[in-house]
Every structure is written in C-alpha cells, then in structure tokens.
C-alpha cells in the first residue's frame, strides 16, 4: 500500500504506507496501490509549477 504525499510547494509523490513520509512531506489523504495513487496524482496535480512560482506575479523577474 502507498500514500499520496504533498509538500508545502504542493508537489505530489507517493510513499510506502508503512513508513513515515520524509521531512517536509505530508500525507494528502489518498491510500491505495501504487497505480491507484499515481492515477490520483494525475487527476489532482494539474499544474506542475511549485506553489511559490504560481503565486509570483506575471512578468516578475526570477
């Protein structure tokens, strides 16, 4: 079994359910097979940019 995990930048990954997520990652709530978790990520992670980049005003220098 796996968990869908998310970090503060709203980036997603999967993690084995029998282990604590690594520092900076939190269980998102979905649990299932590896493929079920990957399928869920495909649905919910529609913008691959980190949250900090999405919040940056358009045209702002990096």
N, C-alpha and C. Protein backbone atom coordinates (compact mmCIF):
# COMPACT_ATOMS: atom_id res chain seq x y z
N UNK A 1 0.84 -1.19 0.00
CA UNK A 1 0.00 0.00 0.00
C UNK A 1 0.88 1.24 0.00
N UNK A 2 0.36 2.29 -0.60
CA UNK A 2 1.06 3.55 -0.72
C UNK A 2 0.16 4.69 -0.26
N UNK A 3 0.80 5.81 0.04
CA UNK A 3 0.12 7.06 0.35
C UNK A 3 0.49 8.09 -0.69
N UNK A 4 -0.43 8.98 -0.99
CA UNK A 4 -0.09 10.16 -1.77
C UNK A 4 0.39 11.20 -0.77
N UNK A 5 1.56 11.75 -1.01
CA UNK A 5 2.11 12.78 -0.13
C UNK A 5 2.30 14.06 -0.92
N UNK A 6 2.29 15.18 -0.19
CA UNK A 6 2.42 16.51 -0.80
C UNK A 6 3.30 17.36 0.08
N UNK A 7 4.11 18.20 -0.54
CA UNK A 7 4.95 19.10 0.24
C UNK A 7 4.33 20.51 0.27
N UNK A 8 5.00 21.44 0.93
CA UNK A 8 4.47 22.79 1.08
C UNK A 8 4.39 23.54 -0.24
N UNK A 9 5.11 23.08 -1.26
CA UNK A 9 5.05 23.69 -2.59
C UNK A 9 3.97 23.04 -3.45
N UNK A 10 3.15 22.18 -2.82
CA UNK A 10 2.05 21.46 -3.47
C UNK A 10 2.55 20.58 -4.61
N UNK A 11 3.70 19.95 -4.39
CA UNK A 11 4.22 18.94 -5.29
C UNK A 11 3.85 17.59 -4.71
N UNK A 12 3.50 16.65 -5.57
CA UNK A 12 3.00 15.35 -5.13
C UNK A 12 4.00 14.23 -5.38
N UNK A 13 3.87 13.20 -4.59
CA UNK A 13 4.66 11.99 -4.77
C UNK A 13 3.91 10.86 -4.08
N UNK A 14 4.45 9.65 -4.15
CA UNK A 14 3.89 8.53 -3.40
C UNK A 14 4.94 8.02 -2.43
N UNK A 15 4.47 7.42 -1.36
CA UNK A 15 5.34 6.92 -0.30
C UNK A 15 4.72 5.65 0.25
N UNK A 16 5.55 4.71 0.61
CA UNK A 16 5.01 3.48 1.18
C UNK A 16 4.22 3.78 2.45
N UNK A 17 3.06 3.17 2.57
CA UNK A 17 2.15 3.46 3.67
C UNK A 17 2.69 2.99 5.02
N UNK A 18 3.60 2.05 5.02
CA UNK A 18 4.14 1.55 6.28
C UNK A 18 5.32 2.37 6.80
N UNK A 19 5.60 3.49 6.15
CA UNK A 19 6.70 4.36 6.57
C UNK A 19 6.21 5.78 6.76
N UNK A 20 6.87 6.49 7.64
CA UNK A 20 6.56 7.91 7.83
C UNK A 20 7.04 8.68 6.60
N UNK A 21 6.25 9.65 6.13
CA UNK A 21 6.72 10.45 5.00
C UNK A 21 8.01 11.19 5.38
N UNK A 22 8.86 11.47 4.40
CA UNK A 22 10.10 12.19 4.69
C UNK A 22 9.81 13.61 5.18
N UNK A 23 10.79 14.22 5.80
CA UNK A 23 10.65 15.59 6.30
C UNK A 23 10.17 16.51 5.18
N UNK A 24 9.20 17.34 5.50
CA UNK A 24 8.68 18.30 4.55
C UNK A 24 7.53 17.77 3.69
N UNK A 25 7.18 16.51 3.86
CA UNK A 25 6.09 15.89 3.10
C UNK A 25 5.00 15.44 4.07
N UNK A 26 3.76 15.52 3.63
CA UNK A 26 2.62 15.19 4.48
C UNK A 26 1.64 14.32 3.70
N UNK A 27 1.03 13.37 4.39
CA UNK A 27 0.03 12.53 3.74
C UNK A 27 -1.11 13.40 3.25
N UNK A 28 -1.50 13.21 2.01
CA UNK A 28 -2.54 14.01 1.38
C UNK A 28 -3.92 13.42 1.62
N UNK A 29 -3.97 12.15 1.99
CA UNK A 29 -5.25 11.53 2.30
C UNK A 29 -5.57 10.31 1.47
N UNK A 30 -4.99 10.20 0.30
CA UNK A 30 -5.26 9.05 -0.57
C UNK A 30 -4.33 7.89 -0.22
N UNK A 31 -4.89 6.71 -0.13
CA UNK A 31 -4.12 5.49 0.15
C UNK A 31 -4.60 4.43 -0.83
N UNK A 32 -3.68 3.63 -1.35
CA UNK A 32 -4.07 2.57 -2.26
C UNK A 32 -2.86 1.90 -2.86
N UNK A 33 -3.10 1.20 -3.95
CA UNK A 33 -1.99 0.58 -4.66
C UNK A 33 -1.13 1.68 -5.28
N UNK A 34 0.05 1.29 -5.72
CA UNK A 34 0.93 2.26 -6.37
C UNK A 34 0.21 2.92 -7.54
N UNK A 35 -0.42 2.12 -8.38
CA UNK A 35 -1.09 2.66 -9.56
C UNK A 35 -2.28 3.54 -9.19
N UNK A 36 -3.06 3.16 -8.18
CA UNK A 36 -4.18 4.00 -7.74
C UNK A 36 -3.69 5.36 -7.28
N UNK A 37 -2.58 5.38 -6.55
CA UNK A 37 -2.03 6.65 -6.07
C UNK A 37 -1.51 7.49 -7.23
N UNK A 38 -0.82 6.86 -8.18
CA UNK A 38 -0.33 7.60 -9.35
C UNK A 38 -1.49 8.14 -10.19
N UNK A 39 -2.54 7.36 -10.33
CA UNK A 39 -3.72 7.83 -11.06
C UNK A 39 -4.35 9.03 -10.37
N UNK A 40 -4.42 9.00 -9.05
CA UNK A 40 -4.96 10.13 -8.29
C UNK A 40 -4.11 11.38 -8.51
N UNK A 41 -2.80 11.23 -8.48
CA UNK A 41 -1.91 12.37 -8.71
C UNK A 41 -2.14 12.94 -10.10
N UNK A 42 -2.33 12.09 -11.11
CA UNK A 42 -2.60 12.57 -12.47
C UNK A 42 -3.84 13.46 -12.52
N UNK A 43 -4.81 13.17 -11.68
CA UNK A 43 -6.05 13.94 -11.67
C UNK A 43 -5.88 15.26 -10.91
N UNK A 44 -5.22 15.24 -9.75
CA UNK A 44 -5.19 16.43 -8.89
C UNK A 44 -4.02 17.37 -9.16
N UNK A 45 -2.94 16.88 -9.74
CA UNK A 45 -1.76 17.73 -9.94
C UNK A 45 -1.76 18.22 -11.37
N UNK A 46 -2.55 19.25 -11.62
CA UNK A 46 -2.74 19.75 -12.97
C UNK A 46 -1.75 20.82 -13.37
N UNK A 47 -1.10 21.45 -12.42
CA UNK A 47 -0.10 22.49 -12.69
C UNK A 47 1.18 22.08 -11.98
N UNK A 48 2.17 21.68 -12.73
CA UNK A 48 3.41 21.13 -12.17
C UNK A 48 4.30 22.19 -11.52
N UNK A 49 3.99 23.46 -11.74
CA UNK A 49 4.84 24.50 -11.15
C UNK A 49 4.69 24.51 -9.63
N UNK A 50 5.80 24.75 -8.90
CA UNK A 50 5.72 24.88 -7.45
C UNK A 50 4.79 26.04 -7.07
N UNK A 51 4.18 25.94 -5.91
CA UNK A 51 3.25 26.97 -5.43
C UNK A 51 3.88 28.35 -5.43
N UNK A 52 5.12 28.46 -4.99
CA UNK A 52 5.77 29.77 -4.94
C UNK A 52 5.88 30.40 -6.33
N UNK A 53 6.08 29.60 -7.35
CA UNK A 53 6.14 30.12 -8.71
C UNK A 53 4.76 30.50 -9.21
N UNK A 54 3.75 29.71 -8.89
CA UNK A 54 2.38 30.04 -9.31
C UNK A 54 1.89 31.33 -8.66
N UNK A 55 2.36 31.62 -7.47
CA UNK A 55 1.92 32.83 -6.76
C UNK A 55 2.67 34.09 -7.22
N UNK A 56 3.78 33.90 -7.90
CA UNK A 56 4.58 35.04 -8.37
C UNK A 56 3.78 35.81 -9.41
N UNK A 57 3.77 37.14 -9.31
CA UNK A 57 3.04 37.95 -10.29
C UNK A 57 3.59 37.72 -11.70
N UNK A 58 2.70 37.76 -12.68
CA UNK A 58 3.11 37.58 -14.07
C UNK A 58 4.13 38.65 -14.43
N UNK A 59 5.19 38.24 -15.10
CA UNK A 59 6.23 39.17 -15.54
C UNK A 59 7.29 39.48 -14.50
N UNK A 60 7.13 38.96 -13.28
CA UNK A 60 8.13 39.22 -12.23
C UNK A 60 9.41 38.49 -12.57
N UNK A 61 10.55 39.13 -12.31
CA UNK A 61 11.83 38.51 -12.54
C UNK A 61 12.05 37.37 -11.57
N UNK A 62 12.74 36.36 -12.02
CA UNK A 62 13.02 35.19 -11.16
C UNK A 62 14.15 35.46 -10.25
